[in-house]
Protein backbone atom coordinates (compact mmCIF):
# COMPACT_ATOMS: atom_id res chain seq x y z
CA MET A 1 76.14 73.59 131.45
CA SER A 2 79.16 71.88 129.96
CA ARG A 3 80.36 73.08 126.56
CA ARG A 4 81.50 69.61 125.59
CA MET A 5 80.49 68.53 122.11
CA TYR A 6 79.67 64.89 121.36
CA LYS A 7 80.33 63.05 118.12
CA VAL A 8 77.39 61.23 116.57
CA GLY A 9 78.82 57.84 117.52
CA GLU A 10 79.18 58.90 121.15
CA VAL A 11 75.61 60.16 121.25
CA ALA A 12 74.32 56.95 119.70
CA GLU A 13 76.15 54.91 122.32
CA VAL A 14 75.06 56.84 125.41
CA ALA A 15 71.46 57.32 124.20
CA LYS A 16 71.19 53.69 123.06
CA VAL A 17 70.01 54.56 119.56
CA THR A 18 71.56 53.90 116.19
CA ILE A 19 73.58 56.40 114.21
CA ARG A 20 71.05 55.94 111.45
CA THR A 21 68.30 57.07 113.84
CA LEU A 22 70.22 60.24 114.69
CA HIS A 23 70.77 60.95 111.01
CA HIS A 24 67.04 60.54 110.44
CA TYR A 25 66.20 62.90 113.30
CA ASP A 26 68.51 65.45 111.73
CA GLU A 27 66.96 65.02 108.28
CA ILE A 28 63.41 65.62 109.55
CA GLY A 29 64.44 68.51 111.80
CA LEU A 30 63.60 66.76 115.07
CA LEU A 31 67.14 66.85 116.42
CA SER A 32 69.76 68.77 114.48
CA PRO A 33 73.31 68.89 115.89
CA SER A 34 74.48 72.28 117.07
CA GLY A 35 77.81 72.05 115.29
CA ARG A 36 80.04 70.38 112.76
CA SER A 37 83.64 69.34 112.97
CA GLY A 38 86.25 70.58 110.53
CA SER A 39 85.64 67.38 108.60
CA GLY A 40 81.89 67.96 108.52
CA TYR A 41 80.93 65.42 111.17
CA ARG A 42 77.89 66.11 113.34
CA LEU A 43 78.63 67.47 116.82
CA TYR A 44 76.01 67.51 119.57
CA SER A 45 75.90 69.91 122.50
CA GLU A 46 74.57 69.25 126.02
CA THR A 47 71.38 71.05 124.96
CA ASP A 48 71.04 68.61 122.07
CA ILE A 49 71.53 65.71 124.50
CA GLU A 50 68.77 67.09 126.73
CA ARG A 51 66.41 67.36 123.76
CA LEU A 52 67.22 63.79 122.77
CA GLN A 53 66.34 62.64 126.27
CA HIS A 54 62.87 64.17 125.92
CA ILE A 55 62.51 62.54 122.51
CA ARG A 56 63.35 59.16 123.98
CA PHE A 57 60.86 59.61 126.83
CA TYR A 58 58.07 60.50 124.42
CA ARG A 59 58.96 57.63 122.11
CA ASP A 60 58.62 55.36 125.12
CA LEU A 61 55.09 56.70 125.51
CA GLY A 62 54.33 55.79 121.91
CA LEU A 63 54.21 59.27 120.35
CA ALA A 64 55.01 59.66 116.67
CA LEU A 65 58.05 61.75 115.76
CA GLU A 66 56.01 64.63 114.34
CA GLU A 67 53.89 64.72 117.49
CA ILE A 68 57.04 64.81 119.60
CA ARG A 69 58.40 67.76 117.65
CA THR A 70 55.10 69.63 117.98
CA THR A 71 55.11 68.98 121.73
CA ILE A 72 58.68 69.96 122.60
CA GLU A 73 58.72 72.97 120.27
CA ALA A 74 55.49 74.44 121.64
CA GLU A 75 55.96 77.86 123.21
CA ASP A 76 54.48 76.70 126.49
CA PHE A 77 56.50 73.49 126.71
CA ASP A 78 57.81 73.09 130.27
CA ALA A 79 60.73 70.65 130.39
CA ARG A 80 60.54 70.25 134.18
CA ALA A 81 56.81 69.58 134.10
CA ALA A 82 57.31 67.06 131.30
CA LEU A 83 59.93 65.20 133.31
CA ARG A 84 57.69 65.17 136.38
CA ALA A 85 54.87 63.71 134.29
CA HIS A 86 57.20 61.04 132.88
CA ARG A 87 58.34 60.27 136.42
CA GLU A 88 54.79 59.70 137.65
CA ARG A 89 54.03 57.36 134.76
CA LEU A 90 57.18 55.37 135.41
CA LYS A 91 56.44 55.19 139.14
CA SER A 92 53.04 53.77 138.30
CA ARG A 93 54.66 51.14 136.08
CA LEU A 94 57.17 50.40 138.83
CA ARG A 95 54.44 49.81 141.40
CA GLU A 96 52.72 47.39 139.04
CA THR A 97 56.00 45.58 138.34
CA GLU A 98 56.87 45.34 142.03
CA ALA A 99 53.44 43.85 142.74
CA LEU A 100 54.00 41.18 140.09
CA VAL A 101 57.49 40.41 141.42
CA ALA A 102 55.99 39.94 144.89
CA THR A 103 53.43 37.52 143.46
CA ILE A 104 56.18 35.54 141.71
CA ASP A 105 58.23 35.37 144.93
CA ARG A 106 55.22 34.21 146.89
CA THR A 107 54.43 31.57 144.24
CA LEU A 108 57.99 30.25 144.33
CA ARG A 109 57.87 29.94 148.12
CA THR A 110 54.58 28.06 147.81
CA MET A 111 56.09 25.68 145.26
CA GLU A 112 58.91 25.01 147.74
CA GLY A 113 56.39 24.01 150.41
CA ASP A 114 56.17 27.30 152.28
CA GLY A 115 52.43 27.72 152.79
CA GLU A 116 49.58 27.89 150.29
CA MET A 117 48.15 30.57 148.00
CA SER A 118 44.54 31.40 147.34
CA ALA A 119 43.33 31.90 143.78
CA GLU A 120 43.12 35.66 144.42
CA GLU A 121 46.70 35.77 145.72
CA ARG A 122 48.00 34.02 142.60
CA PHE A 123 46.78 36.91 140.46
CA ALA A 124 47.69 39.79 142.75
CA GLY A 125 49.42 42.54 140.77
CA PHE A 126 47.92 41.65 137.39
CA GLN A 127 46.04 44.44 135.65
CA PRO A 128 42.60 43.59 134.24
CA GLU A 129 43.17 42.44 130.65
CA GLU A 130 39.83 43.69 129.42
CA HIS A 131 40.71 47.28 130.29
CA ALA A 132 43.56 47.53 127.82
CA ARG A 133 41.59 45.67 125.19
CA GLU A 134 38.51 47.80 125.74
CA ALA A 135 40.53 51.02 125.52
CA LYS A 136 42.01 49.92 122.21
CA GLU A 137 38.67 48.76 120.80
CA ARG A 138 36.76 51.86 121.89
CA TRP A 139 39.32 54.57 121.27
CA GLY A 140 42.01 53.11 119.03
CA ASP A 141 44.27 53.38 122.09
CA SER A 142 46.95 55.61 120.62
CA ASP A 143 45.15 58.82 119.69
CA SER A 144 43.60 59.56 123.09
CA TYR A 145 46.72 58.42 124.91
CA LYS A 146 48.98 60.56 122.77
CA GLN A 147 46.74 63.58 123.09
CA SER A 148 46.73 63.16 126.87
CA ALA A 149 50.53 62.80 126.89
CA ARG A 150 50.94 66.01 124.90
CA ARG A 151 48.65 67.98 127.19
CA THR A 152 49.90 66.67 130.51
CA ALA A 153 53.53 67.21 129.51
CA LYS A 154 52.87 70.93 129.88
CA TYR A 155 51.30 70.72 133.33
CA GLY A 156 53.09 71.84 136.44
CA LYS A 157 52.23 71.38 140.10
CA ALA A 158 49.48 74.01 139.98
CA GLU A 159 47.70 72.32 137.09
CA TRP A 160 47.82 68.88 138.70
CA GLU A 161 46.48 70.27 141.95
CA ALA A 162 43.66 72.00 140.06
CA ILE A 163 42.81 68.80 138.19
CA GLN A 164 42.65 66.76 141.39
CA ALA A 165 40.62 69.36 143.24
CA GLU A 166 38.16 69.68 140.36
CA ALA A 167 37.72 65.91 140.06
CA ASP A 168 37.29 65.45 143.82
CA ASP A 169 34.69 68.21 143.86
CA ILE A 170 32.64 66.62 141.09
CA VAL A 171 32.76 63.20 142.73
CA ALA A 172 31.81 64.66 146.10
CA ARG A 173 28.79 66.36 144.54
CA PHE A 174 27.54 62.99 143.28
CA VAL A 175 26.98 62.02 146.92
CA ALA A 176 24.04 64.40 147.47
CA PRO A 177 21.74 63.21 144.68
CA GLN A 178 22.56 59.59 145.50
CA GLY A 179 21.80 60.14 149.19
CA ASP A 180 18.61 62.07 148.42
CA GLY A 181 17.30 59.20 146.35
CA ASN A 182 17.65 60.86 142.97
CA ALA A 183 18.12 58.24 140.27
CA PRO A 184 21.40 58.35 138.35
CA THR A 185 19.23 58.88 135.26
CA SER A 186 17.80 62.08 136.77
CA ASN A 187 18.69 65.45 135.29
CA MET A 188 20.92 66.14 138.29
CA GLY A 189 22.77 62.85 137.91
CA MET A 190 23.32 63.27 134.18
CA ALA A 191 24.33 66.92 134.59
CA LEU A 192 27.12 65.87 136.95
CA ALA A 193 28.11 63.10 134.55
CA GLU A 194 28.38 65.63 131.73
CA GLU A 195 30.45 67.92 133.92
CA TYR A 196 32.73 64.99 134.66
CA ARG A 197 33.10 64.23 130.94
CA GLU A 198 33.94 67.87 130.22
CA HIS A 199 36.59 67.73 132.94
CA ILE A 200 38.36 64.88 131.10
CA ASP A 201 37.83 66.57 127.74
CA ARG A 202 39.31 69.82 128.98
CA TRP A 203 42.35 68.46 130.80
CA PHE A 204 43.30 65.22 129.06
CA TYR A 205 41.81 64.27 125.70
CA ALA A 206 38.72 64.66 123.54
CA CYS A 207 36.29 62.45 125.43
CA THR A 208 33.06 61.58 123.65
CA PRO A 209 30.03 60.46 125.69
CA GLN A 210 30.56 56.93 124.40
CA MET A 211 34.19 56.93 125.49
CA HIS A 212 33.08 58.26 128.85
CA ALA A 213 30.63 55.38 129.18
CA GLY A 214 33.55 52.99 128.75
CA LEU A 215 35.38 54.77 131.55
CA GLY A 216 32.27 54.59 133.71
CA GLU A 217 32.21 50.83 133.36
CA MET A 218 35.83 50.70 134.49
CA TYR A 219 34.95 52.73 137.57
CA VAL A 220 32.89 49.75 138.68
CA SER A 221 34.91 46.78 137.36
CA ASP A 222 38.33 48.03 138.50
CA GLU A 223 38.59 47.70 142.26
CA ARG A 224 40.98 50.64 142.49
CA PHE A 225 38.51 52.99 140.86
CA ALA A 226 35.61 51.50 142.78
CA ALA A 227 37.44 52.03 146.07
CA TYR A 228 38.04 55.70 145.23
CA TYR A 229 34.34 56.37 144.60
CA ASN A 230 32.96 54.17 147.33
CA LYS A 231 35.07 55.85 149.99
CA HIS A 232 32.84 58.89 149.46
CA ALA A 233 29.65 56.85 149.85
CA ASP A 234 28.68 53.19 149.66
CA GLY A 235 27.68 52.24 146.14
CA LEU A 236 28.80 55.55 144.65
CA ALA A 237 30.86 53.81 141.94
CA ASP A 238 27.73 52.14 140.59
CA TYR A 239 25.80 55.39 140.80
CA VAL A 240 28.46 57.37 138.92
CA CYS A 241 28.72 54.66 136.27
CA ALA A 242 24.95 54.60 135.77
CA ALA A 243 24.79 58.40 135.49
CA ILE A 244 27.63 58.44 132.94
CA CYS A 245 26.00 55.71 130.83
CA ALA A 246 22.62 57.48 130.98
CA ASN A 247 24.26 60.71 129.86
CA ALA A 248 25.90 58.89 126.96
CA GLU A 249 22.58 57.39 125.91
CA ARG A 250 20.95 60.81 126.06
CA ALA A 251 23.69 62.26 123.86
CA THR A 252 23.12 59.65 121.16
CA ALA A 253 19.33 59.73 121.32
């Protein structure tokens, strides 16, 4: 790694932050420069620049400064895993943006007389508005999201593979009780729903039964979620949602 040292003004310019922000980071111990010039000016090393990059990524996710410091100073913090997690989130955003750009392009062609658009095509790429609103109303949005961001930043390939395998296994085991005619409100259905809730609680964020019920409703209303469940068995999304909601009601009874 280069031994070049950067002046505070240079860091502010390349990182697209203000000098005042860097001074604040230094004052609170989030990012302290590795050196000082003979005149006492802050000098930042390549390691400092790398730390600032992580700070900027986490700020983009909405984490508070103290939460960022706790995350990146944790003994088990894995910088590569954190970057991979950031990359996946950005790729997801990119796919959504590209879908909206495609809808705009198609709309412009239609306005110029090139074919017609159905009502469904005009809204292709938009994300259901009620999902974001519901998440904020039910969970306050930030706390669960930030907790998930902190946890997943530490995950590597092995953890993500384990998460996916565990989730797929739970969903696959919903198929049997549904196929055997067991109601989603049966003990078997609710037991699987509780296992599913614990999976989220363990890997992502503290998930109460009520929060899980909100997710269950999304599994039906969001066509992407519904497609994932229904590929295992017709109507499985509705079954899983009903089991989750029944389990939530049982927990509050």
